[in-house]
């Protein structure tokens, strides 16, 4: 009994993900590291988002910057 993966390989629709991409010169291709700005890094870390705190009566309100 053949698996779906074997059938896809026969038809040419499946590519093995473990193979490296070779260029015409014979060197393997490597992705350049992504350079992010300071603003982008802060956004990813979530430091520019509003902060919330509990006040009297259990209400959650926005505190600090961004009000």
C-alpha atoms as a PDB file:
ATOM      1  CA  UNK A   1       0.000   0.000   0.000  1.00  0.00           C
ATOM      2  CA  UNK A   2       1.436   3.328  -1.045  1.00  0.00           C
ATOM      3  CA  UNK A   3       1.218   6.412   1.083  1.00  0.00           C
ATOM      4  CA  UNK A   4      -0.033   9.775  -0.045  1.00  0.00           C
ATOM      5  CA  UNK A   5       3.496  11.123   0.229  1.00  0.00           C
ATOM      6  CA  UNK A   6       4.812   8.440  -2.164  1.00  0.00           C
ATOM      7  CA  UNK A   7       2.068   9.237  -4.657  1.00  0.00           C
ATOM      8  CA  UNK A   8       2.877  12.944  -4.526  1.00  0.00           C
ATOM      9  CA  UNK A   9       6.569  12.195  -5.129  1.00  0.00           C
ATOM     10  CA  UNK A  10       5.669  10.139  -8.209  1.00  0.00           C
ATOM     11  CA  UNK A  11       3.575  12.939  -9.662  1.00  0.00           C
ATOM     12  CA  UNK A  12       6.243  15.540  -8.867  1.00  0.00           C
ATOM     13  CA  UNK A  13       4.173  17.581  -6.428  1.00  0.00           C
ATOM     14  CA  UNK A  14       6.207  16.801  -3.313  1.00  0.00           C
ATOM     15  CA  UNK A  15       9.630  18.250  -2.574  1.00  0.00           C
ATOM     16  CA  UNK A  16      11.729  17.014   0.310  1.00  0.00           C
ATOM     17  CA  UNK A  17      12.193  19.851   2.807  1.00  0.00           C
ATOM     18  CA  UNK A  18      15.535  18.567   4.073  1.00  0.00           C
ATOM     19  CA  UNK A  19      17.373  19.187   0.811  1.00  0.00           C
ATOM     20  CA  UNK A  20      19.490  22.316   0.522  1.00  0.00           C
ATOM     21  CA  UNK A  21      18.965  24.706  -2.341  1.00  0.00           C
ATOM     22  CA  UNK A  22      22.023  24.702  -4.596  1.00  0.00           C
ATOM     23  CA  UNK A  23      22.859  27.607  -6.868  1.00  0.00           C
ATOM     24  CA  UNK A  24      24.311  27.196 -10.353  1.00  0.00           C
ATOM     25  CA  UNK A  25      27.786  27.910  -8.991  1.00  0.00           C
ATOM     26  CA  UNK A  26      27.474  24.940  -6.618  1.00  0.00           C
ATOM     27  CA  UNK A  27      27.310  26.983  -3.420  1.00  0.00           C
ATOM     28  CA  UNK A  28      24.401  26.470  -1.068  1.00  0.00           C
ATOM     29  CA  UNK A  29      22.003  29.358  -0.508  1.00  0.00           C
ATOM     30  CA  UNK A  30      21.655  30.879   2.938  1.00  0.00           C
ATOM     31  CA  UNK A  31      19.046  33.426   4.016  1.00  0.00           C
ATOM     32  CA  UNK A  32      20.389  36.778   5.178  1.00  0.00           C
ATOM     33  CA  UNK A  33      19.458  37.702   8.760  1.00  0.00           C
ATOM     34  CA  UNK A  34      16.552  40.104   9.010  1.00  0.00           C
ATOM     35  CA  UNK A  35      17.554  43.530  10.284  1.00  0.00           C
ATOM     36  CA  UNK A  36      14.847  45.179  12.359  1.00  0.00           C
ATOM     37  CA  UNK A  37      14.754  48.772  13.510  1.00  0.00           C
ATOM     38  CA  UNK A  38      14.565  49.697  17.187  1.00  0.00           C
ATOM     39  CA  UNK A  39      10.908  50.621  16.748  1.00  0.00           C
ATOM     40  CA  UNK A  40      10.103  47.249  15.159  1.00  0.00           C
ATOM     41  CA  UNK A  41      11.828  45.368  17.986  1.00  0.00           C
ATOM     42  CA  UNK A  42       9.891  47.312  20.617  1.00  0.00           C
ATOM     43  CA  UNK A  43       6.635  46.563  18.802  1.00  0.00           C
ATOM     44  CA  UNK A  44       7.427  42.833  18.707  1.00  0.00           C
ATOM     45  CA  UNK A  45       8.227  42.823  22.429  1.00  0.00           C
ATOM     46  CA  UNK A  46       4.998  44.667  23.189  1.00  0.00           C
ATOM     47  CA  UNK A  47       6.533  47.620  25.040  1.00  0.00           C
ATOM     48  CA  UNK A  48       4.526  50.208  23.076  1.00  0.00           C
ATOM     49  CA  UNK A  49       1.194  48.682  24.047  1.00  0.00           C
ATOM     50  CA  UNK A  50      -1.042  50.172  26.714  1.00  0.00           C
ATOM     51  CA  UNK A  51      -0.800  48.721  30.221  1.00  0.00           C
ATOM     52  CA  UNK A  52      -3.785  48.005  32.425  1.00  0.00           C
ATOM     53  CA  UNK A  53      -4.173  47.800  36.178  1.00  0.00           C
ATOM     54  CA  UNK A  54      -6.817  46.923  38.728  1.00  0.00           C
ATOM     55  CA  UNK A  55      -8.394  49.809  40.610  1.00  0.00           C
ATOM     56  CA  UNK A  56     -11.050  50.089  43.292  1.00  0.00           C
ATOM     57  CA  UNK A  57     -13.987  47.791  42.748  1.00  0.00           C
ATOM     58  CA  UNK A  58     -11.976  45.398  40.590  1.00  0.00           C
ATOM     59  CA  UNK A  59     -12.218  47.608  37.520  1.00  0.00           C
ATOM     60  CA  UNK A  60      -9.423  47.240  34.998  1.00  0.00           C
ATOM     61  CA  UNK A  61      -8.306  50.609  33.689  1.00  0.00           C
ATOM     62  CA  UNK A  62      -5.520  51.841  31.498  1.00  0.00           C
ATOM     63  CA  UNK A  63      -2.569  53.232  33.445  1.00  0.00           C
ATOM     64  CA  UNK A  64       0.601  55.021  32.466  1.00  0.00           C
ATOM     65  CA  UNK A  65       1.456  56.113  28.947  1.00  0.00           C
ATOM     66  CA  UNK A  66      -0.901  55.946  26.007  1.00  0.00           C
ATOM     67  CA  UNK A  67      -3.899  57.318  27.814  1.00  0.00           C
END
